[in-house]
Amino acid sequence: MSKTVEIKLVKSLNGRHQKHIATAKSLGLKRPGNVVVQPDNEATRGKIEQIRYLVEVK
């Protein structure tokens, strides 16, 4: 089984940079409190790093 990472959006996307909003949506995050499970790979880690101030990773 491949490794996965659980990502939770903890801050609103209102007023954020358009690139950061697009990154959050590409991860499947739409509103605060949303939790998604993504594969733990370099692409996902890069997206998390870009919006690290908006998310919580478990």
PDB file of N, CA and C in Angstrom:
ATOM      1  N   MET A   1       0.839  -1.178   0.000  1.00  0.00           N
ATOM      2  CA  MET A   1       0.000   0.000   0.000  1.00  0.00           C
ATOM      3  C   MET A   1       0.885   1.242   0.000  1.00  0.00           C
ATOM      4  N   SER A   2       0.549   2.193  -0.847  1.00  0.00           N
ATOM      5  CA  SER A   2       1.358   3.410  -0.912  1.00  0.00           C
ATOM      6  C   SER A   2       1.025   4.333   0.252  1.00  0.00           C
ATOM      7  N   LYS A   3       1.961   5.179   0.582  1.00  0.00           N
ATOM      8  CA  LYS A   3       1.780   6.101   1.695  1.00  0.00           C
ATOM      9  C   LYS A   3       0.847   7.232   1.287  1.00  0.00           C
ATOM     10  N   THR A   4       0.092   7.710   2.261  1.00  0.00           N
ATOM     11  CA  THR A   4      -0.801   8.838   2.018  1.00  0.00           C
ATOM     12  C   THR A   4      -0.585   9.895   3.092  1.00  0.00           C
ATOM     13  N   VAL A   5      -1.088  11.090   2.827  1.00  0.00           N
ATOM     14  CA  VAL A   5      -0.995  12.194   3.767  1.00  0.00           C
ATOM     15  C   VAL A   5      -2.390  12.816   3.885  1.00  0.00           C
ATOM     16  N   GLU A   6      -2.768  13.150   5.115  1.00  0.00           N
ATOM     17  CA  GLU A   6      -4.070  13.765   5.378  1.00  0.00           C
ATOM     18  C   GLU A   6      -3.862  15.272   5.527  1.00  0.00           C
ATOM     19  N   ILE A   7      -4.611  16.050   4.750  1.00  0.00           N
ATOM     20  CA  ILE A   7      -4.449  17.501   4.727  1.00  0.00           C
ATOM     21  C   ILE A   7      -5.764  18.153   5.123  1.00  0.00           C
ATOM     22  N   LYS A   8      -5.696  19.104   6.050  1.00  0.00           N
ATOM     23  CA  LYS A   8      -6.891  19.818   6.507  1.00  0.00           C
ATOM     24  C   LYS A   8      -6.701  21.309   6.253  1.00  0.00           C
ATOM     25  N   LEU A   9      -7.699  21.933   5.622  1.00  0.00           N
ATOM     26  CA  LEU A   9      -7.670  23.378   5.406  1.00  0.00           C
ATOM     27  C   LEU A   9      -8.135  24.053   6.691  1.00  0.00           C
ATOM     28  N   VAL A  10      -7.269  24.843   7.318  1.00  0.00           N
ATOM     29  CA  VAL A  10      -7.600  25.453   8.606  1.00  0.00           C
ATOM     30  C   VAL A  10      -7.886  26.947   8.504  1.00  0.00           C
ATOM     31  N   LYS A  11      -7.556  27.580   7.395  1.00  0.00           N
ATOM     32  CA  LYS A  11      -7.838  28.999   7.200  1.00  0.00           C
ATOM     33  C   LYS A  11      -8.612  29.182   5.897  1.00  0.00           C
ATOM     34  N   SER A  12      -9.368  30.257   5.834  1.00  0.00           N
ATOM     35  CA  SER A  12     -10.183  30.564   4.667  1.00  0.00           C
ATOM     36  C   SER A  12      -9.327  30.921   3.462  1.00  0.00           C
ATOM     37  N   LEU A  13      -9.879  30.695   2.277  1.00  0.00           N
ATOM     38  CA  LEU A  13      -9.192  31.049   1.039  1.00  0.00           C
ATOM     39  C   LEU A  13      -9.513  32.471   0.594  1.00  0.00           C
ATOM     40  N   ASN A  14     -10.442  33.134   1.286  1.00  0.00           N
ATOM     41  CA  ASN A  14     -10.826  34.510   0.938  1.00  0.00           C
ATOM     42  C   ASN A  14      -9.636  35.452   1.043  1.00  0.00           C
ATOM     43  N   GLY A  15      -9.419  36.235  -0.016  1.00  0.00           N
ATOM     44  CA  GLY A  15      -8.370  37.241  -0.003  1.00  0.00           C
ATOM     45  C   GLY A  15      -6.967  36.710  -0.209  1.00  0.00           C
ATOM     46  N   ARG A  16      -6.816  35.447  -0.553  1.00  0.00           N
ATOM     47  CA  ARG A  16      -5.481  34.851  -0.756  1.00  0.00           C
ATOM     48  C   ARG A  16      -5.047  35.050  -2.202  1.00  0.00           C
ATOM     49  N   HIS A  17      -3.773  34.810  -2.465  1.00  0.00           N
ATOM     50  CA  HIS A  17      -3.249  34.878  -3.831  1.00  0.00           C
ATOM     51  C   HIS A  17      -3.960  33.845  -4.696  1.00  0.00           C
ATOM     52  N   GLN A  18      -4.205  34.205  -5.942  1.00  0.00           N
ATOM     53  CA  GLN A  18      -4.907  33.300  -6.859  1.00  0.00           C
ATOM     54  C   GLN A  18      -4.175  31.971  -7.026  1.00  0.00           C
ATOM     55  N   LYS A  19      -2.849  32.000  -7.043  1.00  0.00           N
ATOM     56  CA  LYS A  19      -2.070  30.761  -7.165  1.00  0.00           C
ATOM     57  C   LYS A  19      -2.294  29.851  -5.960  1.00  0.00           C
ATOM     58  N   HIS A  20      -2.407  30.437  -4.777  1.00  0.00           N
ATOM     59  CA  HIS A  20      -2.606  29.641  -3.567  1.00  0.00           C
ATOM     60  C   HIS A  20      -4.010  29.056  -3.532  1.00  0.00           C
ATOM     61  N   ILE A  21      -4.994  29.809  -4.005  1.00  0.00           N
ATOM     62  CA  ILE A  21      -6.357  29.291  -4.091  1.00  0.00           C
ATOM     63  C   ILE A  21      -6.398  28.124  -5.068  1.00  0.00           C
ATOM     64  N   ALA A  22      -5.743  28.280  -6.211  1.00  0.00           N
ATOM     65  CA  ALA A  22      -5.710  27.212  -7.216  1.00  0.00           C
ATOM     66  C   ALA A  22      -4.999  25.971  -6.680  1.00  0.00           C
ATOM     67  N   THR A  23      -3.945  26.159  -5.906  1.00  0.00           N
ATOM     68  CA  THR A  23      -3.219  25.037  -5.315  1.00  0.00           C
ATOM     69  C   THR A  23      -4.103  24.291  -4.335  1.00  0.00           C
ATOM     70  N   ALA A  24      -4.813  25.019  -3.481  1.00  0.00           N
ATOM     71  CA  ALA A  24      -5.717  24.389  -2.514  1.00  0.00           C
ATOM     72  C   ALA A  24      -6.805  23.607  -3.235  1.00  0.00           C
ATOM     73  N   LYS A  25      -7.367  24.175  -4.277  1.00  0.00           N
ATOM     74  CA  LYS A  25      -8.429  23.489  -5.023  1.00  0.00           C
ATOM     75  C   LYS A  25      -7.886  22.259  -5.742  1.00  0.00           C
ATOM     76  N   SER A  26      -6.633  22.318  -6.197  1.00  0.00           N
ATOM     77  CA  SER A  26      -6.048  21.155  -6.869  1.00  0.00           C
ATOM     78  C   SER A  26      -5.834  19.999  -5.896  1.00  0.00           C
ATOM     79  N   LEU A  27      -5.697  20.335  -4.605  1.00  0.00           N
ATOM     80  CA  LEU A  27      -5.590  19.299  -3.575  1.00  0.00           C
ATOM     81  C   LEU A  27      -6.969  18.784  -3.159  1.00  0.00           C
ATOM     82  N   GLY A  28      -8.032  19.474  -3.589  1.00  0.00           N
ATOM     83  CA  GLY A  28      -9.387  19.057  -3.244  1.00  0.00           C
ATOM     84  C   GLY A  28      -9.950  19.787  -2.039  1.00  0.00           C
ATOM     85  N   LEU A  29      -9.308  20.882  -1.641  1.00  0.00           N
ATOM     86  CA  LEU A  29      -9.749  21.656  -0.478  1.00  0.00           C
ATOM     87  C   LEU A  29     -10.612  22.823  -0.940  1.00  0.00           C
ATOM     88  N   LYS A  30     -11.806  22.948  -0.362  1.00  0.00           N
ATOM     89  CA  LYS A  30     -12.728  23.987  -0.797  1.00  0.00           C
ATOM     90  C   LYS A  30     -13.052  25.002   0.284  1.00  0.00           C
ATOM     91  N   ARG A  31     -13.261  24.544   1.514  1.00  0.00           N
ATOM     92  CA  ARG A  31     -13.618  25.461   2.607  1.00  0.00           C
ATOM     93  C   ARG A  31     -12.929  25.006   3.883  1.00  0.00           C
ATOM     94  N   PRO A  32     -12.772  25.932   4.832  1.00  0.00           N
ATOM     95  CA  PRO A  32     -12.106  25.565   6.091  1.00  0.00           C
ATOM     96  C   PRO A  32     -12.775  24.367   6.755  1.00  0.00           C
ATOM     97  N   GLY A  33     -11.974  23.465   7.243  1.00  0.00           N
ATOM     98  CA  GLY A  33     -12.477  22.250   7.871  1.00  0.00           C
ATOM     99  C   GLY A  33     -12.445  21.045   6.953  1.00  0.00           C
ATOM    100  N   ASN A  34     -12.322  21.275   5.628  1.00  0.00           N
ATOM    101  CA  ASN A  34     -12.242  20.161   4.686  1.00  0.00           C
ATOM    102  C   ASN A  34     -10.977  19.352   4.941  1.00  0.00           C
ATOM    103  N   VAL A  35     -11.116  18.035   4.903  1.00  0.00           N
ATOM    104  CA  VAL A  35      -9.982  17.128   5.063  1.00  0.00           C
ATOM    105  C   VAL A  35      -9.931  16.231   3.839  1.00  0.00           C
ATOM    106  N   VAL A  36      -8.753  16.097   3.236  1.00  0.00           N
ATOM    107  CA  VAL A  36      -8.562  15.223   2.087  1.00  0.00           C
ATOM    108  C   VAL A  36      -7.376  14.308   2.336  1.00  0.00           C
ATOM    109  N   VAL A  37      -7.362  13.183   1.654  1.00  0.00           N
ATOM    110  CA  VAL A  37      -6.245  12.248   1.713  1.00  0.00           C
ATOM    111  C   VAL A  37      -5.618  12.210   0.324  1.00  0.00           C
ATOM    112  N   GLN A  38      -4.331  12.514   0.259  1.00  0.00           N
ATOM    113  CA  GLN A  38      -3.596  12.555  -0.996  1.00  0.00           C
ATOM    114  C   GLN A  38      -2.394  11.625  -0.902  1.00  0.00           C
ATOM    115  N   PRO A  39      -1.882  11.150  -2.052  1.00  0.00           N
ATOM    116  CA  PRO A  39      -0.672  10.329  -2.010  1.00  0.00           C
ATOM    117  C   PRO A  39       0.515  11.166  -1.527  1.00  0.00           C
ATOM    118  N   ASP A  40       1.377  10.551  -0.760  1.00  0.00           N
ATOM    119  CA  ASP A  40       2.545  11.247  -0.222  1.00  0.00           C
ATOM    120  C   ASP A  40       3.679  11.149  -1.239  1.00  0.00           C
ATOM    121  N   ASN A  41       3.748  12.142  -2.134  1.00  0.00           N
ATOM    122  CA  ASN A  41       4.805  12.172  -3.137  1.00  0.00           C
ATOM    123  C   ASN A  41       5.351  13.599  -3.255  1.00  0.00           C
ATOM    124  N   GLU A  42       6.320  13.802  -4.104  1.00  0.00           N
ATOM    125  CA  GLU A  42       6.969  15.104  -4.237  1.00  0.00           C
ATOM    126  C   GLU A  42       6.002  16.189  -4.697  1.00  0.00           C
ATOM    127  N   ALA A  43       5.107  15.873  -5.617  1.00  0.00           N
ATOM    128  CA  ALA A  43       4.159  16.872  -6.120  1.00  0.00           C
ATOM    129  C   ALA A  43       3.235  17.356  -5.006  1.00  0.00           C
ATOM    130  N   THR A  44       2.710  16.419  -4.236  1.00  0.00           N
ATOM    131  CA  THR A  44       1.820  16.782  -3.135  1.00  0.00           C
ATOM    132  C   THR A  44       2.575  17.575  -2.078  1.00  0.00           C
ATOM    133  N   ARG A  45       3.788  17.161  -1.748  1.00  0.00           N
ATOM    134  CA  ARG A  45       4.590  17.873  -0.755  1.00  0.00           C
ATOM    135  C   ARG A  45       4.899  19.300  -1.218  1.00  0.00           C
ATOM    136  N   GLY A  46       5.130  19.480  -2.512  1.00  0.00           N
ATOM    137  CA  GLY A  46       5.381  20.818  -3.048  1.00  0.00           C
ATOM    138  C   GLY A  46       4.164  21.710  -2.915  1.00  0.00           C
ATOM    139  N   LYS A  47       2.986  21.169  -3.183  1.00  0.00           N
ATOM    140  CA  LYS A  47       1.746  21.933  -3.036  1.00  0.00           C
ATOM    141  C   LYS A  47       1.517  22.310  -1.576  1.00  0.00           C
ATOM    142  N   ILE A  48       1.761  21.372  -0.676  1.00  0.00           N
ATOM    143  CA  ILE A  48       1.597  21.642   0.753  1.00  0.00           C
ATOM    144  C   ILE A  48       2.558  22.741   1.183  1.00  0.00           C
ATOM    145  N   GLU A  49       3.786  22.693   0.705  1.00  0.00           N
ATOM    146  CA  GLU A  49       4.785  23.697   1.070  1.00  0.00           C
ATOM    147  C   GLU A  49       4.357  25.093   0.614  1.00  0.00           C
ATOM    148  N   GLN A  50       3.739  25.179  -0.563  1.00  0.00           N
ATOM    149  CA  GLN A  50       3.311  26.474  -1.096  1.00  0.00           C
ATOM    150  C   GLN A  50       2.218  27.108  -0.237  1.00  0.00           C
ATOM    151  N   ILE A  51       1.323  26.290   0.319  1.00  0.00           N
ATOM    152  CA  ILE A  51       0.214  26.841   1.115  1.00  0.00           C
ATOM    153  C   ILE A  51       0.278  26.375   2.567  1.00  0.00           C
ATOM    154  N   ARG A  52       1.480  26.209   3.100  1.00  0.00           N
ATOM    155  CA  ARG A  52       1.663  25.678   4.444  1.00  0.00           C
ATOM    156  C   ARG A  52       0.992  26.527   5.525  1.00  0.00           C
ATOM    157  N   TYR A  53       0.806  27.821   5.261  1.00  0.00           N
ATOM    158  CA  TYR A  53       0.174  28.697   6.246  1.00  0.00           C
ATOM    159  C   TYR A  53      -1.351  28.538   6.285  1.00  0.00           C
ATOM    160  N   LEU A  54      -1.904  27.777   5.342  1.00  0.00           N
ATOM    161  CA  LEU A  54      -3.348  27.568   5.279  1.00  0.00           C
ATOM    162  C   LEU A  54      -3.781  26.181   5.725  1.00  0.00           C
ATOM    163  N   VAL A  55      -2.835  25.239   5.790  1.00  0.00           N
ATOM    164  CA  VAL A  55      -3.208  23.853   6.020  1.00  0.00           C
ATOM    165  C   VAL A  55      -2.525  23.264   7.243  1.00  0.00           C
ATOM    166  N   GLU A  56      -3.073  22.117   7.653  1.00  0.00           N
ATOM    167  CA  GLU A  56      -2.511  21.309   8.732  1.00  0.00           C
ATOM    168  C   GLU A  56      -2.340  19.903   8.163  1.00  0.00           C
ATOM    169  N   VAL A  57      -1.165  19.326   8.340  1.00  0.00           N
ATOM    170  CA  VAL A  57      -0.873  18.005   7.770  1.00  0.00           C
ATOM    171  C   VAL A  57      -0.758  16.986   8.888  1.00  0.00           C
ATOM    172  N   LYS A  58      -1.424  15.838   8.694  1.00  0.00           N
ATOM    173  CA  LYS A  58      -1.368  14.754   9.691  1.00  0.00           C
ATOM    174  C   LYS A  58      -0.679  13.562   9.114  1.00  0.00           C
TER     175      LYS A  58
END
